[in-house]
Amino acid sequence: MTRITEFAARCGVAAGDVDIWVERRWLLPVRDETGWSFSDTDLARARLIAELERDLGIDAEAMPVVLSLLDQVHGLRRRMRILTAALLELPEPHRTAICHRLLGAGPDGDTDGSPEGDAA
């Protein structure tokens, strides 16, 4: 855990920027009797916020939407890793059948471009 001044320096931003990001709840550090403590996850997120602002011009109004979408992508990636691990533990015939369904192939190996049950 690091404190705000060191944290801001590691992110390449002003401590005031970090204060604003915490106030806006873009960062969620732990608060104790001596102030905010930032984790490595907070550091990665702060660097991302700085990059989004500096390099992509994402403004304060759009930032919550962008961060929410990125959080969703990361959550889905985490779930995909869990699903992949579970899939690898299945017996071969079940694993193959599921892989075919995920790739859009029917039980007989035919592909129609859409999984069964999807509404157009």
N, C-alpha and C. Protein backbone atom coordinates (compact mmCIF):
# COMPACT_ATOMS: atom_id res chain seq x y z
N MET A 1 0.85 -1.18 0.00
CA MET A 1 0.00 0.00 0.00
C MET A 1 0.89 1.25 0.00
N THR A 2 0.49 2.24 -0.78
CA THR A 2 1.25 3.48 -0.83
C THR A 2 0.35 4.67 -0.50
N ARG A 3 0.96 5.76 -0.14
CA ARG A 3 0.24 6.99 0.21
C ARG A 3 0.09 7.87 -1.02
N ILE A 4 -0.74 8.91 -0.91
CA ILE A 4 -1.18 9.69 -2.07
C ILE A 4 -0.04 10.38 -2.82
N THR A 5 0.91 10.99 -2.13
CA THR A 5 1.98 11.72 -2.82
C THR A 5 2.85 10.76 -3.64
N GLU A 6 3.28 9.68 -3.00
CA GLU A 6 4.07 8.67 -3.71
C GLU A 6 3.25 8.05 -4.83
N PHE A 7 2.00 7.78 -4.53
CA PHE A 7 1.10 7.17 -5.50
C PHE A 7 0.97 8.06 -6.74
N ALA A 8 0.70 9.34 -6.53
CA ALA A 8 0.55 10.28 -7.64
C ALA A 8 1.82 10.33 -8.48
N ALA A 9 2.98 10.35 -7.82
CA ALA A 9 4.26 10.37 -8.54
C ALA A 9 4.42 9.12 -9.39
N ARG A 10 4.05 7.97 -8.84
CA ARG A 10 4.17 6.71 -9.59
C ARG A 10 3.23 6.67 -10.79
N CYS A 11 2.13 7.44 -10.71
CA CYS A 11 1.17 7.50 -11.81
C CYS A 11 1.53 8.57 -12.83
N GLY A 12 2.42 9.47 -12.42
CA GLY A 12 2.79 10.58 -13.30
C GLY A 12 1.74 11.68 -13.34
N VAL A 13 1.00 11.84 -12.24
CA VAL A 13 -0.03 12.87 -12.17
C VAL A 13 0.14 13.66 -10.87
N ALA A 14 -0.60 14.74 -10.75
CA ALA A 14 -0.58 15.55 -9.52
C ALA A 14 -1.43 14.88 -8.45
N ALA A 15 -1.07 15.11 -7.20
CA ALA A 15 -1.84 14.56 -6.09
C ALA A 15 -3.29 15.06 -6.13
N GLY A 16 -3.48 16.29 -6.61
CA GLY A 16 -4.83 16.84 -6.75
C GLY A 16 -5.70 16.04 -7.70
N ASP A 17 -5.07 15.52 -8.77
CA ASP A 17 -5.81 14.67 -9.71
C ASP A 17 -6.29 13.40 -9.01
N VAL A 18 -5.41 12.82 -8.22
CA VAL A 18 -5.77 11.61 -7.49
C VAL A 18 -6.90 11.89 -6.52
N ASP A 19 -6.84 13.03 -5.84
CA ASP A 19 -7.93 13.42 -4.93
C ASP A 19 -9.27 13.48 -5.66
N ILE A 20 -9.25 14.07 -6.84
CA ILE A 20 -10.48 14.19 -7.64
C ILE A 20 -10.98 12.81 -8.05
N TRP A 21 -10.06 11.94 -8.47
CA TRP A 21 -10.47 10.60 -8.91
C TRP A 21 -11.08 9.80 -7.75
N VAL A 22 -10.53 10.00 -6.56
CA VAL A 22 -11.09 9.33 -5.38
C VAL A 22 -12.46 9.91 -5.07
N GLU A 23 -12.57 11.23 -5.13
CA GLU A 23 -13.85 11.90 -4.86
C GLU A 23 -14.92 11.43 -5.84
N ARG A 24 -14.54 11.25 -7.08
CA ARG A 24 -15.49 10.80 -8.11
C ARG A 24 -15.71 9.28 -8.09
N ARG A 25 -14.96 8.62 -7.21
CA ARG A 25 -15.05 7.17 -7.01
C ARG A 25 -14.55 6.38 -8.23
N TRP A 26 -13.64 6.99 -8.98
CA TRP A 26 -12.98 6.27 -10.07
C TRP A 26 -11.90 5.38 -9.48
N LEU A 27 -11.39 5.78 -8.32
CA LEU A 27 -10.44 4.98 -7.54
C LEU A 27 -11.08 4.73 -6.17
N LEU A 28 -10.85 3.55 -5.62
CA LEU A 28 -11.45 3.20 -4.33
C LEU A 28 -10.38 2.70 -3.36
N PRO A 29 -9.47 3.60 -2.94
CA PRO A 29 -8.42 3.19 -2.00
C PRO A 29 -9.00 2.94 -0.61
N VAL A 30 -8.20 2.33 0.23
CA VAL A 30 -8.57 2.07 1.63
C VAL A 30 -8.20 3.31 2.44
N ARG A 31 -9.09 3.72 3.32
CA ARG A 31 -8.80 4.88 4.18
C ARG A 31 -8.55 4.39 5.60
N ASP A 32 -7.47 4.90 6.19
CA ASP A 32 -7.19 4.59 7.60
C ASP A 32 -6.93 5.90 8.34
N GLU A 33 -6.45 5.83 9.57
CA GLU A 33 -6.26 7.03 10.38
C GLU A 33 -5.21 7.99 9.82
N THR A 34 -4.34 7.50 8.95
CA THR A 34 -3.30 8.37 8.40
C THR A 34 -3.61 8.85 6.98
N GLY A 35 -4.70 8.43 6.39
CA GLY A 35 -5.06 8.85 5.04
C GLY A 35 -5.38 7.68 4.14
N TRP A 36 -5.28 7.93 2.85
CA TRP A 36 -5.58 6.91 1.85
C TRP A 36 -4.40 5.97 1.66
N SER A 37 -4.70 4.69 1.45
CA SER A 37 -3.69 3.70 1.09
C SER A 37 -4.10 3.10 -0.25
N PHE A 38 -3.16 3.09 -1.18
CA PHE A 38 -3.45 2.63 -2.54
C PHE A 38 -2.76 1.30 -2.81
N SER A 39 -3.47 0.41 -3.46
CA SER A 39 -2.95 -0.91 -3.80
C SER A 39 -2.35 -0.89 -5.21
N ASP A 40 -1.75 -2.00 -5.61
CA ASP A 40 -1.23 -2.13 -6.97
C ASP A 40 -2.37 -2.07 -7.99
N THR A 41 -3.54 -2.56 -7.62
CA THR A 41 -4.70 -2.48 -8.51
C THR A 41 -5.11 -1.03 -8.71
N ASP A 42 -5.09 -0.24 -7.62
CA ASP A 42 -5.37 1.19 -7.72
C ASP A 42 -4.36 1.87 -8.65
N LEU A 43 -3.10 1.47 -8.53
CA LEU A 43 -2.05 2.05 -9.38
C LEU A 43 -2.33 1.78 -10.85
N ALA A 44 -2.67 0.55 -11.18
CA ALA A 44 -2.96 0.20 -12.58
C ALA A 44 -4.16 0.99 -13.09
N ARG A 45 -5.19 1.11 -12.27
CA ARG A 45 -6.38 1.84 -12.68
C ARG A 45 -6.08 3.33 -12.84
N ALA A 46 -5.30 3.91 -11.94
CA ALA A 46 -4.95 5.32 -12.04
C ALA A 46 -4.13 5.60 -13.29
N ARG A 47 -3.21 4.72 -13.60
CA ARG A 47 -2.42 4.88 -14.84
C ARG A 47 -3.33 4.81 -16.06
N LEU A 48 -4.32 3.93 -16.01
CA LEU A 48 -5.29 3.83 -17.10
C LEU A 48 -6.09 5.13 -17.22
N ILE A 49 -6.57 5.65 -16.10
CA ILE A 49 -7.33 6.90 -16.12
C ILE A 49 -6.49 8.03 -16.70
N ALA A 50 -5.24 8.11 -16.26
CA ALA A 50 -4.35 9.16 -16.77
C ALA A 50 -4.17 9.01 -18.28
N GLU A 51 -3.99 7.79 -18.73
CA GLU A 51 -3.82 7.54 -20.17
C GLU A 51 -5.09 7.89 -20.95
N LEU A 52 -6.24 7.51 -20.42
CA LEU A 52 -7.51 7.81 -21.08
C LEU A 52 -7.70 9.33 -21.20
N GLU A 53 -7.37 10.05 -20.14
CA GLU A 53 -7.50 11.51 -20.18
C GLU A 53 -6.48 12.15 -21.12
N ARG A 54 -5.22 11.79 -20.94
CA ARG A 54 -4.12 12.43 -21.66
C ARG A 54 -4.09 12.02 -23.13
N ASP A 55 -4.10 10.73 -23.40
CA ASP A 55 -3.87 10.25 -24.76
C ASP A 55 -5.15 10.15 -25.60
N LEU A 56 -6.27 9.89 -24.95
CA LEU A 56 -7.51 9.70 -25.71
C LEU A 56 -8.50 10.85 -25.54
N GLY A 57 -8.18 11.77 -24.62
CA GLY A 57 -9.05 12.94 -24.44
C GLY A 57 -10.41 12.62 -23.82
N ILE A 58 -10.49 11.54 -23.06
CA ILE A 58 -11.75 11.20 -22.40
C ILE A 58 -11.99 12.23 -21.30
N ASP A 59 -13.15 12.88 -21.31
CA ASP A 59 -13.44 13.91 -20.32
C ASP A 59 -14.15 13.34 -19.10
N ALA A 60 -14.37 14.20 -18.10
CA ALA A 60 -14.95 13.77 -16.82
C ALA A 60 -16.36 13.21 -16.97
N GLU A 61 -17.11 13.69 -17.96
CA GLU A 61 -18.46 13.17 -18.16
C GLU A 61 -18.46 11.77 -18.76
N ALA A 62 -17.54 11.52 -19.66
CA ALA A 62 -17.48 10.23 -20.34
C ALA A 62 -16.72 9.17 -19.54
N MET A 63 -15.83 9.61 -18.65
CA MET A 63 -14.96 8.67 -17.93
C MET A 63 -15.73 7.58 -17.18
N PRO A 64 -16.80 7.90 -16.43
CA PRO A 64 -17.51 6.82 -15.72
C PRO A 64 -18.05 5.74 -16.67
N VAL A 65 -18.50 6.15 -17.84
CA VAL A 65 -19.01 5.19 -18.81
C VAL A 65 -17.88 4.32 -19.33
N VAL A 66 -16.77 4.95 -19.68
CA VAL A 66 -15.61 4.20 -20.19
C VAL A 66 -15.10 3.22 -19.14
N LEU A 67 -14.95 3.70 -17.90
CA LEU A 67 -14.46 2.83 -16.83
C LEU A 67 -15.43 1.68 -16.55
N SER A 68 -16.73 1.96 -16.60
CA SER A 68 -17.72 0.91 -16.39
C SER A 68 -17.63 -0.16 -17.48
N LEU A 69 -17.50 0.28 -18.72
CA LEU A 69 -17.37 -0.67 -19.83
C LEU A 69 -16.09 -1.50 -19.71
N LEU A 70 -15.00 -0.85 -19.34
CA LEU A 70 -13.74 -1.58 -19.16
C LEU A 70 -13.85 -2.57 -18.00
N ASP A 71 -14.52 -2.17 -16.92
CA ASP A 71 -14.73 -3.09 -15.80
C ASP A 71 -15.54 -4.30 -16.25
N GLN A 72 -16.55 -4.06 -17.09
CA GLN A 72 -17.36 -5.17 -17.60
C GLN A 72 -16.52 -6.11 -18.47
N VAL A 73 -15.68 -5.54 -19.31
CA VAL A 73 -14.81 -6.36 -20.17
C VAL A 73 -13.89 -7.22 -19.30
N HIS A 74 -13.29 -6.62 -18.28
CA HIS A 74 -12.40 -7.38 -17.39
C HIS A 74 -13.17 -8.46 -16.64
N GLY A 75 -14.39 -8.15 -16.22
CA GLY A 75 -15.21 -9.15 -15.55
C GLY A 75 -15.55 -10.31 -16.46
N LEU A 76 -15.87 -10.00 -17.71
CA LEU A 76 -16.18 -11.05 -18.68
C LEU A 76 -14.94 -11.90 -18.99
N ARG A 77 -13.79 -11.26 -19.08
CA ARG A 77 -12.56 -12.01 -19.32
C ARG A 77 -12.27 -12.96 -18.17
N ARG A 78 -12.51 -12.50 -16.93
CA ARG A 78 -12.31 -13.34 -15.76
C ARG A 78 -13.27 -14.54 -15.81
N ARG A 79 -14.51 -14.28 -16.17
CA ARG A 79 -15.49 -15.38 -16.28
C ARG A 79 -15.11 -16.36 -17.38
N MET A 80 -14.58 -15.83 -18.48
CA MET A 80 -14.16 -16.71 -19.58
C MET A 80 -13.00 -17.61 -19.14
N ARG A 81 -12.09 -17.08 -18.34
CA ARG A 81 -10.99 -17.92 -17.84
C ARG A 81 -11.53 -19.03 -16.96
N ILE A 82 -12.52 -18.71 -16.12
CA ILE A 82 -13.14 -19.72 -15.25
C ILE A 82 -13.86 -20.75 -16.10
N LEU A 83 -14.61 -20.29 -17.10
CA LEU A 83 -15.33 -21.20 -17.99
C LEU A 83 -14.37 -22.10 -18.76
N THR A 84 -13.29 -21.53 -19.23
CA THR A 84 -12.29 -22.31 -19.97
C THR A 84 -11.68 -23.39 -19.08
N ALA A 85 -11.35 -23.04 -17.86
CA ALA A 85 -10.79 -24.03 -16.93
C ALA A 85 -11.79 -25.14 -16.66
N ALA A 86 -13.06 -24.78 -16.47
CA ALA A 86 -14.10 -25.79 -16.23
C ALA A 86 -14.28 -26.67 -17.45
N LEU A 87 -14.23 -26.07 -18.62
CA LEU A 87 -14.39 -26.82 -19.87
C LEU A 87 -13.27 -27.84 -20.04
N LEU A 88 -12.06 -27.45 -19.68
CA LEU A 88 -10.92 -28.36 -19.82
C LEU A 88 -11.00 -29.55 -18.87
N GLU A 89 -11.80 -29.44 -17.82
CA GLU A 89 -11.96 -30.54 -16.86
C GLU A 89 -13.01 -31.55 -17.30
N LEU A 90 -13.81 -31.20 -18.31
CA LEU A 90 -14.87 -32.10 -18.77
C LEU A 90 -14.29 -33.27 -19.57
N PRO A 91 -15.02 -34.38 -19.60
CA PRO A 91 -14.61 -35.49 -20.48
C PRO A 91 -14.64 -35.04 -21.94
N GLU A 92 -13.81 -35.63 -22.74
CA GLU A 92 -13.63 -35.23 -24.14
C GLU A 92 -14.94 -35.10 -24.92
N PRO A 93 -15.85 -36.04 -24.92
CA PRO A 93 -17.05 -35.88 -25.75
C PRO A 93 -17.88 -34.65 -25.37
N HIS A 94 -17.96 -34.36 -24.07
CA HIS A 94 -18.71 -33.19 -23.62
C HIS A 94 -17.99 -31.90 -24.01
N ARG A 95 -16.69 -31.89 -23.84
CA ARG A 95 -15.89 -30.71 -24.19
C ARG A 95 -16.03 -30.41 -25.69
N THR A 96 -15.95 -31.44 -26.53
CA THR A 96 -16.07 -31.25 -27.98
C THR A 96 -17.45 -30.73 -28.34
N ALA A 97 -18.49 -31.29 -27.73
CA ALA A 97 -19.85 -30.85 -28.03
C ALA A 97 -20.04 -29.38 -27.66
N ILE A 98 -19.53 -28.98 -26.51
CA ILE A 98 -19.66 -27.59 -26.09
C ILE A 98 -18.86 -26.66 -27.00
N CYS A 99 -17.67 -27.07 -27.37
CA CYS A 99 -16.85 -26.25 -28.28
C CYS A 99 -17.55 -26.06 -29.62
N HIS A 100 -18.16 -27.10 -30.13
CA HIS A 100 -18.89 -26.98 -31.39
C HIS A 100 -20.05 -25.99 -31.26
N ARG A 101 -20.77 -26.05 -30.14
CA ARG A 101 -21.88 -25.12 -29.92
C ARG A 101 -21.37 -23.69 -29.81
N LEU A 102 -20.26 -23.50 -29.11
CA LEU A 102 -19.70 -22.16 -28.97
C LEU A 102 -19.24 -21.58 -30.30
N LEU A 103 -18.80 -22.45 -31.18
CA LEU A 103 -18.32 -22.01 -32.49
C LEU A 103 -19.44 -21.94 -33.53
N GLY A 104 -20.67 -22.22 -33.10
CA GLY A 104 -21.81 -22.11 -34.00
C GLY A 104 -22.11 -23.37 -34.79
N ALA A 105 -21.47 -24.48 -34.47
CA ALA A 105 -21.73 -25.73 -35.18
C ALA A 105 -22.84 -26.49 -34.47
N GLY A 106 -23.70 -27.10 -35.24
CA GLY A 106 -24.76 -27.93 -34.67
C GLY A 106 -24.20 -29.26 -34.23
N PRO A 107 -25.06 -30.12 -33.66
CA PRO A 107 -24.60 -31.42 -33.16
C PRO A 107 -23.99 -32.30 -34.24
N ASP A 108 -24.39 -32.08 -35.50
CA ASP A 108 -23.85 -32.89 -36.60
C ASP A 108 -22.66 -32.22 -37.28
N GLY A 109 -22.19 -31.12 -36.72
CA GLY A 109 -21.03 -30.43 -37.28
C GLY A 109 -21.38 -29.36 -38.28
N ASP A 110 -22.69 -29.22 -38.62
CA ASP A 110 -23.07 -28.20 -39.57
C ASP A 110 -23.07 -26.83 -38.90
N THR A 111 -22.72 -25.81 -39.68
CA THR A 111 -22.72 -24.46 -39.14
C THR A 111 -23.73 -23.63 -39.92
N ASP A 112 -24.55 -22.93 -39.17
CA ASP A 112 -25.50 -22.03 -39.82
C ASP A 112 -25.24 -20.57 -39.45
N GLY A 113 -24.15 -20.35 -38.68
CA GLY A 113 -23.77 -19.00 -38.33
C GLY A 113 -24.40 -18.48 -37.06
N SER A 114 -25.38 -19.21 -36.52
CA SER A 114 -25.98 -18.74 -35.28
C SER A 114 -26.32 -19.92 -34.38
N PRO A 115 -26.04 -19.81 -33.09
CA PRO A 115 -26.39 -20.89 -32.16
C PRO A 115 -27.89 -21.04 -32.07
N GLU A 116 -28.34 -22.26 -31.80
CA GLU A 116 -29.77 -22.51 -31.65
C GLU A 116 -30.32 -21.66 -30.52
N GLY A 117 -31.53 -21.21 -30.68
CA GLY A 117 -32.20 -20.46 -29.63
C GLY A 117 -31.95 -18.97 -29.66
N ASP A 118 -31.04 -18.48 -30.51
CA ASP A 118 -30.82 -17.05 -30.60
C ASP A 118 -31.93 -16.43 -31.44
N ALA A 119 -32.49 -15.37 -30.93
CA ALA A 119 -33.51 -14.65 -31.70
C ALA A 119 -32.83 -13.58 -32.52
N ALA A 120 -33.28 -13.43 -33.73
CA ALA A 120 -32.68 -12.41 -34.62
C ALA A 120 -33.34 -11.08 -34.43
